[in-house]
Amino acid sequence: MSLLEQWRQEAYNEQASEKQYQMFWANYFQLEKGFYESLLSTDEVVTGTIPTLAKKYNVDTMIMVGILDGINDSLKTPNPIETMDETTELSLDYDKEKLYYNMVEARAEWLYTLPQWDNLLSAERRKELYKEQKSSTTIVKPKKIGRNDPCPCGSGKKYKKCCGRNV
């Protein structure tokens, strides 16, 4: 079983009670927040194996796998998370805007509101990315044509006497 499969099995354990599940994720989110506080506060591109990265960020190996699973879509060059093992060299060279956008998409307010973002992206740019992500998931329904409205085909007739007759 790959490390990623092990992580997913542990994280989405169907035998866990609701309380255990909530405690697991509350702990994970706290550790993830600490990881991002550290990662975002430096410009250095972090590389290493899973055990090395776990030690650097003071987290368990499985928690590090979970963090890698979460950040992978925001990396400039994604890591081979499906096939990685404890000796795989990994890179955490992330795209700042993509990472912020993905955090907003994941509704991870505890991450996209970190003060470290102030040094990475301007407040205006963060606001733009936030609006861009939120509008990308908004479904806009077209205005419904009323029976007495002019027909959209351009005939000049009322909708009910033209194309609306076929409906």
Protein backbone atom coordinates (compact mmCIF):
# COMPACT_ATOMS: atom_id res chain seq x y z
CA MET A 1 0.00 0.00 0.00
CA SER A 2 1.40 3.42 -0.96
CA LEU A 3 1.95 6.15 1.61
CA LEU A 4 -0.86 8.19 0.06
CA GLU A 5 -3.28 5.25 0.35
CA GLN A 6 -2.21 4.77 3.98
CA TRP A 7 -2.86 8.47 4.66
CA ARG A 8 -6.28 8.41 3.06
CA GLN A 9 -7.20 5.23 4.93
CA GLU A 10 -6.18 6.85 8.23
CA ALA A 11 -7.77 10.23 7.47
CA TYR A 12 -11.08 8.86 6.20
CA ASN A 13 -11.34 5.94 8.62
CA GLU A 14 -14.90 4.66 8.43
CA GLN A 15 -14.56 2.77 11.73
CA ALA A 16 -13.81 5.96 13.68
CA SER A 17 -16.56 7.51 15.77
CA GLU A 18 -17.75 11.02 14.95
CA LYS A 19 -15.82 12.37 17.94
CA GLN A 20 -12.59 10.58 16.89
CA TYR A 21 -13.04 11.86 13.34
CA GLN A 22 -13.51 15.46 14.51
CA MET A 23 -10.54 15.23 16.88
CA PHE A 24 -8.34 13.81 14.11
CA TRP A 25 -9.18 16.66 11.73
CA ALA A 26 -8.95 19.37 14.40
CA ASN A 27 -5.43 18.14 15.21
CA TYR A 28 -4.53 17.89 11.52
CA PHE A 29 -5.72 21.42 10.75
CA GLN A 30 -3.71 22.80 13.68
CA LEU A 31 -0.55 21.04 12.43
CA GLU A 32 -1.28 22.13 8.85
CA LYS A 33 -1.58 25.75 10.00
CA GLY A 34 1.83 25.53 11.70
CA PHE A 35 3.31 24.03 8.54
CA TYR A 36 2.02 26.88 6.35
CA GLU A 37 3.07 29.55 8.86
CA SER A 38 6.60 28.21 8.58
CA LEU A 39 6.56 27.58 4.81
CA LEU A 40 5.12 31.00 3.93
CA SER A 41 7.56 32.92 6.12
CA THR A 42 10.59 32.08 3.95
CA ASP A 43 11.45 32.46 0.27
CA GLU A 44 13.63 29.34 0.21
CA VAL A 45 12.46 26.43 -1.94
CA VAL A 46 12.12 23.52 0.48
CA THR A 47 13.15 20.06 -0.73
CA GLY A 48 13.68 16.68 0.92
CA THR A 49 12.21 13.29 1.62
CA ILE A 50 9.04 12.80 3.62
CA PRO A 51 10.89 11.97 6.88
CA THR A 52 13.17 15.00 6.41
CA LEU A 53 10.24 17.34 5.75
CA ALA A 54 8.23 15.86 8.64
CA LYS A 55 11.15 16.47 11.00
CA LYS A 56 11.72 20.01 9.65
CA TYR A 57 8.07 20.96 10.23
CA ASN A 58 7.75 18.94 13.45
CA VAL A 59 4.91 16.69 12.26
CA ASP A 60 4.32 12.95 11.98
CA THR A 61 5.22 11.26 8.67
CA MET A 62 1.56 10.50 7.87
CA ILE A 63 0.54 14.10 8.61
CA MET A 64 3.29 15.21 6.20
CA VAL A 65 1.82 12.91 3.54
CA GLY A 66 -1.57 14.57 4.09
CA ILE A 67 -0.04 18.04 3.78
CA LEU A 68 1.75 16.98 0.58
CA ASP A 69 -1.55 15.68 -0.77
CA GLY A 70 -3.14 19.06 -0.06
CA ILE A 71 -0.40 21.28 -1.47
CA ASN A 72 0.43 19.21 -4.57
CA ASP A 73 -2.00 21.06 -6.89
CA SER A 74 -0.37 24.37 -5.93
CA LEU A 75 3.21 23.36 -6.73
CA LYS A 76 5.03 24.61 -9.81
CA THR A 77 6.02 21.00 -10.50
CA PRO A 78 3.71 18.50 -8.75
CA ASN A 79 5.32 15.72 -6.72
CA PRO A 80 4.62 12.06 -7.59
CA ILE A 81 2.38 11.64 -4.54
CA GLU A 82 0.61 8.56 -5.88
CA THR A 83 3.89 6.58 -6.03
CA MET A 84 6.14 8.33 -3.48
CA ASP A 85 7.84 6.45 -0.70
CA GLU A 86 10.03 7.57 2.19
CA THR A 87 13.08 7.95 -0.09
CA THR A 88 11.44 10.04 -2.82
CA GLU A 89 12.97 13.52 -3.18
CA LEU A 90 10.19 16.10 -3.02
CA SER A 91 10.02 19.82 -3.70
CA LEU A 92 7.68 22.36 -2.12
CA ASP A 93 8.25 25.04 -4.78
CA TYR A 94 4.75 26.52 -4.74
CA ASP A 95 3.01 29.09 -6.92
CA LYS A 96 1.89 31.80 -4.45
CA GLU A 97 -1.26 32.83 -6.31
CA LYS A 98 -2.32 29.28 -7.08
CA LEU A 99 -1.80 28.25 -3.44
CA TYR A 100 -3.88 31.17 -2.17
CA TYR A 101 -6.61 30.47 -4.75
CA ASN A 102 -6.70 26.77 -3.80
CA MET A 103 -6.91 27.62 -0.09
CA VAL A 104 -9.93 29.82 -0.80
CA GLU A 105 -11.45 27.04 -2.90
CA ALA A 106 -10.95 24.57 -0.03
CA ARG A 107 -12.62 27.08 2.32
CA ALA A 108 -9.52 26.91 4.51
CA GLU A 109 -9.98 30.31 6.13
CA TRP A 110 -7.44 29.42 8.84
CA LEU A 111 -4.84 29.23 6.04
CA TYR A 112 -5.69 32.00 3.57
CA THR A 113 -6.00 34.54 6.41
CA LEU A 114 -2.53 33.84 7.82
CA PRO A 115 -0.52 37.05 8.38
CA GLN A 116 2.39 35.58 6.36
CA TRP A 117 0.41 36.29 3.17
CA ASP A 118 0.97 40.03 3.75
CA ASN A 119 4.61 39.62 2.66
CA LEU A 120 3.79 37.41 -0.34
CA LEU A 121 0.75 38.96 -2.02
CA SER A 122 -0.71 42.44 -1.78
CA ALA A 123 -4.09 42.83 -0.10
CA GLU A 124 -5.55 43.92 -3.44
CA ARG A 125 -4.25 40.82 -5.23
CA ARG A 126 -5.56 38.52 -2.48
CA LYS A 127 -8.96 40.21 -2.77
CA GLU A 128 -8.90 39.71 -6.57
CA LEU A 129 -7.98 36.03 -6.22
CA TYR A 130 -10.69 35.56 -3.59
CA LYS A 131 -13.35 37.13 -5.83
CA GLU A 132 -12.07 35.20 -8.87
CA GLN A 133 -12.36 31.89 -7.05
CA LYS A 134 -15.78 32.65 -5.57
CA SER A 135 -17.20 33.78 -8.91
CA SER A 136 -15.83 30.66 -10.64
CA THR A 137 -18.18 28.50 -8.59
CA THR A 138 -21.23 30.79 -8.81
CA ILE A 139 -23.94 29.50 -11.11
CA VAL A 140 -25.64 32.30 -13.01
CA LYS A 141 -29.07 31.36 -14.34
CA PRO A 142 -30.20 33.23 -17.44
CA LYS A 143 -33.22 35.49 -17.04
CA LYS A 144 -36.41 33.59 -17.76
CA ILE A 145 -38.35 34.86 -20.74
CA GLY A 146 -41.84 36.01 -19.77
CA ARG A 147 -44.85 35.12 -21.94
CA ASN A 148 -45.43 38.76 -22.88
CA ASP A 149 -41.75 39.66 -23.43
CA PRO A 150 -40.47 40.27 -26.97
CA CYS A 151 -39.29 37.01 -28.53
CA PRO A 152 -35.48 36.61 -28.34
CA CYS A 153 -35.41 35.39 -31.97
CA GLY A 154 -35.87 39.01 -33.07
CA SER A 155 -39.22 38.62 -34.87
CA GLY A 156 -40.80 41.49 -32.94
CA LYS A 157 -43.68 39.31 -31.79
CA LYS A 158 -44.47 38.46 -28.20
CA TYR A 159 -42.77 35.27 -27.02
CA LYS A 160 -46.14 33.52 -26.47
CA LYS A 161 -47.15 34.16 -30.12
CA CYS A 162 -43.76 33.13 -31.58
CA CYS A 163 -41.16 30.68 -30.22
CA GLY A 164 -43.04 30.25 -26.91
CA ARG A 165 -45.87 28.55 -28.80
CA ASN A 166 -43.66 25.50 -29.35
CA VAL A 167 -42.94 25.06 -25.66
